[in-house]
N, C-alpha and C. Protein backbone atom coordinates (compact mmCIF):
# COMPACT_ATOMS: atom_id res chain seq x y z
N MET A 1 -7.99 -12.20 -47.13
CA MET A 1 -6.90 -11.87 -46.25
C MET A 1 -6.19 -10.61 -46.71
N LYS A 2 -6.01 -10.46 -48.00
CA LYS A 2 -5.30 -9.31 -48.53
C LYS A 2 -6.08 -8.02 -48.30
N SER A 3 -7.41 -8.06 -48.37
CA SER A 3 -8.22 -6.85 -48.19
C SER A 3 -8.11 -6.33 -46.76
N LYS A 4 -8.01 -7.21 -45.77
CA LYS A 4 -7.83 -6.78 -44.39
C LYS A 4 -6.50 -6.06 -44.22
N ARG A 5 -5.48 -6.57 -44.88
CA ARG A 5 -4.17 -5.96 -44.78
C ARG A 5 -4.18 -4.57 -45.40
N VAL A 6 -4.85 -4.39 -46.52
CA VAL A 6 -4.94 -3.09 -47.17
C VAL A 6 -5.68 -2.11 -46.26
N ASN A 7 -6.79 -2.56 -45.67
CA ASN A 7 -7.53 -1.69 -44.75
C ASN A 7 -6.69 -1.34 -43.54
N SER A 8 -5.93 -2.30 -43.06
CA SER A 8 -5.08 -2.08 -41.91
C SER A 8 -3.99 -1.06 -42.23
N GLU A 9 -3.38 -1.19 -43.40
CA GLU A 9 -2.34 -0.25 -43.82
C GLU A 9 -2.94 1.15 -44.00
N ALA A 10 -4.13 1.22 -44.56
CA ALA A 10 -4.78 2.51 -44.77
C ALA A 10 -5.09 3.18 -43.44
N SER A 11 -5.54 2.40 -42.46
CA SER A 11 -5.86 2.99 -41.16
C SER A 11 -4.58 3.42 -40.43
N ILE A 12 -3.48 2.70 -40.63
CA ILE A 12 -2.21 3.10 -40.04
C ILE A 12 -1.73 4.41 -40.65
N ILE A 13 -1.83 4.51 -41.96
CA ILE A 13 -1.42 5.75 -42.65
C ILE A 13 -2.31 6.91 -42.20
N GLU A 14 -3.59 6.66 -42.05
CA GLU A 14 -4.51 7.70 -41.58
C GLU A 14 -4.15 8.13 -40.15
N LEU A 15 -3.82 7.17 -39.32
CA LEU A 15 -3.42 7.46 -37.94
C LEU A 15 -2.13 8.29 -37.91
N ILE A 16 -1.16 7.92 -38.74
CA ILE A 16 0.10 8.67 -38.81
C ILE A 16 -0.15 10.09 -39.30
N ASP A 17 -1.01 10.25 -40.29
CA ASP A 17 -1.35 11.60 -40.78
C ASP A 17 -1.99 12.43 -39.68
N HIS A 18 -2.86 11.81 -38.92
CA HIS A 18 -3.53 12.51 -37.82
C HIS A 18 -2.51 12.92 -36.75
N MET A 19 -1.59 12.02 -36.42
CA MET A 19 -0.56 12.33 -35.43
C MET A 19 0.36 13.44 -35.92
N GLU A 20 0.68 13.41 -37.20
CA GLU A 20 1.54 14.44 -37.78
C GLU A 20 0.85 15.80 -37.72
N SER A 21 -0.43 15.82 -37.98
CA SER A 21 -1.20 17.06 -37.89
C SER A 21 -1.21 17.59 -36.46
N ASP A 22 -1.43 16.69 -35.50
CA ASP A 22 -1.43 17.11 -34.09
C ASP A 22 -0.07 17.62 -33.66
N LEU A 23 1.00 16.98 -34.12
CA LEU A 23 2.35 17.44 -33.79
C LEU A 23 2.61 18.82 -34.38
N GLY A 24 2.12 19.07 -35.58
CA GLY A 24 2.27 20.39 -36.20
C GLY A 24 1.57 21.46 -35.38
N LYS A 25 0.37 21.14 -34.90
CA LYS A 25 -0.37 22.09 -34.07
C LYS A 25 0.37 22.35 -32.75
N LEU A 26 0.93 21.30 -32.18
CA LEU A 26 1.68 21.44 -30.93
C LEU A 26 2.93 22.29 -31.13
N LYS A 27 3.66 22.05 -32.23
CA LYS A 27 4.85 22.85 -32.53
C LYS A 27 4.48 24.32 -32.69
N LYS A 28 3.37 24.58 -33.36
CA LYS A 28 2.93 25.96 -33.58
C LYS A 28 2.58 26.62 -32.25
N ALA A 29 1.89 25.90 -31.38
CA ALA A 29 1.53 26.44 -30.08
C ALA A 29 2.77 26.74 -29.25
N ILE A 30 3.76 25.86 -29.31
CA ILE A 30 5.00 26.07 -28.55
C ILE A 30 5.75 27.27 -29.10
N SER A 31 5.84 27.37 -30.41
CA SER A 31 6.58 28.50 -30.99
C SER A 31 5.87 29.81 -30.73
N ASN A 32 4.54 29.81 -30.65
CA ASN A 32 3.80 31.03 -30.32
C ASN A 32 4.01 31.43 -28.87
N ASN A 33 4.38 30.47 -28.04
CA ASN A 33 4.57 30.74 -26.62
C ASN A 33 5.98 31.24 -26.32
N LYS A 34 6.85 31.23 -27.30
CA LYS A 34 8.23 31.66 -27.08
C LYS A 34 8.41 33.09 -27.58
N GLN A 35 9.27 33.80 -26.91
CA GLN A 35 9.56 35.17 -27.29
C GLN A 35 11.06 35.37 -27.15
N ASP A 36 11.70 35.70 -28.24
CA ASP A 36 13.15 35.89 -28.25
C ASP A 36 13.89 34.68 -27.70
N GLY A 37 13.43 33.50 -28.04
CA GLY A 37 14.10 32.29 -27.59
C GLY A 37 13.76 31.86 -26.18
N ARG A 38 12.98 32.65 -25.47
CA ARG A 38 12.59 32.30 -24.10
C ARG A 38 11.08 32.17 -24.04
N GLU A 39 10.62 31.31 -23.15
CA GLU A 39 9.18 31.14 -22.98
C GLU A 39 8.60 32.36 -22.28
N LYS A 40 7.38 32.71 -22.70
CA LYS A 40 6.68 33.81 -22.04
C LYS A 40 6.28 33.38 -20.64
N ARG A 41 6.37 34.27 -19.71
CA ARG A 41 5.94 33.99 -18.35
C ARG A 41 4.92 35.03 -17.94
N LYS A 42 4.04 34.61 -17.07
CA LYS A 42 3.06 35.55 -16.55
C LYS A 42 3.80 36.58 -15.71
N PRO A 43 3.35 37.82 -15.78
CA PRO A 43 4.03 38.84 -14.96
C PRO A 43 3.91 38.51 -13.48
N PHE A 44 4.92 38.90 -12.73
CA PHE A 44 4.94 38.64 -11.30
C PHE A 44 3.75 39.30 -10.64
N ARG A 45 3.08 38.58 -9.80
CA ARG A 45 1.92 39.09 -9.08
C ARG A 45 2.21 38.98 -7.59
N SER A 46 2.09 40.09 -6.91
CA SER A 46 2.35 40.11 -5.48
C SER A 46 1.39 39.17 -4.76
N PHE A 47 1.89 38.53 -3.73
CA PHE A 47 1.08 37.62 -2.93
C PHE A 47 -0.16 38.32 -2.39
N ARG A 48 -0.03 39.58 -2.07
CA ARG A 48 -1.14 40.34 -1.49
C ARG A 48 -2.24 40.65 -2.48
N GLU A 49 -1.99 40.46 -3.76
CA GLU A 49 -3.00 40.71 -4.79
C GLU A 49 -3.98 39.55 -4.96
N TYR A 50 -3.64 38.38 -4.44
CA TYR A 50 -4.53 37.23 -4.57
C TYR A 50 -5.73 37.40 -3.66
N GLU A 51 -6.86 36.87 -4.12
CA GLU A 51 -8.14 37.05 -3.43
C GLU A 51 -8.13 36.49 -2.01
N PHE A 52 -7.43 35.37 -1.81
CA PHE A 52 -7.46 34.73 -0.50
C PHE A 52 -6.66 35.48 0.56
N CYS A 53 -5.76 36.33 0.14
CA CYS A 53 -4.94 37.06 1.10
C CYS A 53 -5.79 38.12 1.80
N GLY A 54 -5.86 38.04 3.10
CA GLY A 54 -6.64 38.99 3.86
C GLY A 54 -8.11 38.65 3.99
N MET A 55 -8.48 37.44 3.62
CA MET A 55 -9.90 37.08 3.65
C MET A 55 -10.44 36.98 5.07
N TRP A 56 -9.56 36.89 6.06
CA TRP A 56 -10.02 36.80 7.45
C TRP A 56 -9.76 38.09 8.22
N LYS A 57 -9.36 39.13 7.57
CA LYS A 57 -8.94 40.35 8.26
C LYS A 57 -10.07 41.01 9.05
N ASP A 58 -11.31 40.81 8.66
CA ASP A 58 -12.44 41.47 9.33
C ASP A 58 -13.16 40.55 10.32
N ARG A 59 -12.62 39.40 10.60
CA ARG A 59 -13.28 38.48 11.53
C ARG A 59 -13.06 38.92 12.96
N GLU A 60 -14.16 39.08 13.67
CA GLU A 60 -14.10 39.55 15.06
C GLU A 60 -13.61 38.46 16.01
N ASP A 61 -13.86 37.19 15.69
CA ASP A 61 -13.50 36.11 16.61
C ASP A 61 -12.00 35.83 16.69
N ILE A 62 -11.20 36.42 15.80
CA ILE A 62 -9.76 36.17 15.85
C ILE A 62 -8.94 37.43 16.11
N LYS A 63 -9.61 38.55 16.29
CA LYS A 63 -8.87 39.80 16.52
C LYS A 63 -8.12 39.73 17.84
N GLY A 64 -6.87 40.13 17.82
CA GLY A 64 -6.05 40.19 19.02
C GLY A 64 -5.50 38.85 19.48
N LEU A 65 -5.78 37.77 18.74
CA LEU A 65 -5.29 36.44 19.13
C LEU A 65 -4.16 36.01 18.22
N SER A 66 -3.19 35.32 18.80
CA SER A 66 -2.18 34.70 17.95
C SER A 66 -2.81 33.45 17.32
N SER A 67 -2.14 32.90 16.34
CA SER A 67 -2.68 31.69 15.69
C SER A 67 -2.79 30.54 16.70
N ILE A 68 -1.84 30.46 17.62
CA ILE A 68 -1.88 29.39 18.64
C ILE A 68 -3.06 29.59 19.58
N GLU A 69 -3.28 30.82 20.02
CA GLU A 69 -4.42 31.10 20.91
C GLU A 69 -5.74 30.83 20.21
N TRP A 70 -5.83 31.22 18.96
CA TRP A 70 -7.06 31.00 18.21
C TRP A 70 -7.33 29.51 18.03
N LEU A 71 -6.29 28.74 17.69
CA LEU A 71 -6.46 27.29 17.53
C LEU A 71 -6.83 26.62 18.85
N THR A 72 -6.24 27.07 19.94
CA THR A 72 -6.58 26.51 21.25
C THR A 72 -8.04 26.75 21.57
N ARG A 73 -8.51 27.95 21.29
CA ARG A 73 -9.93 28.28 21.52
C ARG A 73 -10.84 27.41 20.66
N ILE A 74 -10.51 27.27 19.39
CA ILE A 74 -11.32 26.44 18.49
C ILE A 74 -11.34 24.99 18.97
N ARG A 75 -10.19 24.48 19.34
CA ARG A 75 -10.11 23.09 19.78
C ARG A 75 -10.92 22.86 21.05
N LYS A 76 -10.87 23.81 21.98
CA LYS A 76 -11.64 23.66 23.21
C LYS A 76 -13.14 23.64 22.94
N THR A 77 -13.59 24.50 22.04
CA THR A 77 -15.03 24.58 21.78
C THR A 77 -15.52 23.49 20.84
N GLN A 78 -14.69 23.06 19.93
CA GLN A 78 -15.14 22.10 18.92
C GLN A 78 -14.86 20.64 19.29
N TRP A 79 -13.81 20.39 20.03
CA TRP A 79 -13.39 19.00 20.28
C TRP A 79 -13.79 18.50 21.66
N ARG A 80 -14.28 19.35 22.54
CA ARG A 80 -14.65 18.88 23.87
C ARG A 80 -16.12 18.93 24.04
C-alpha cells in the first residue's frame, strides 16, 4: 500500500513540474507579445487588400445588375 502512495506522490510532483514548465513557456510567449506594456497588433489592412474583395468584378453575368436583380435572375433559373 505504501509503495502505491509513493508512486502516486511522485507522479503528482512530476505533473506539477510539467505544468510549471508549461506556465513558464506561456508567460514567456505572452511577454514576447507585449511591447511597451501593450499587446502587439497586426497592422491595419484595408478591406480592399483582401483576396476575396473584387473576386466577382470580371463576371459578365452580373454586369449592370443590382444585387436584387441578379438574385431574382438566379432564383428564376435555379429554383423553377
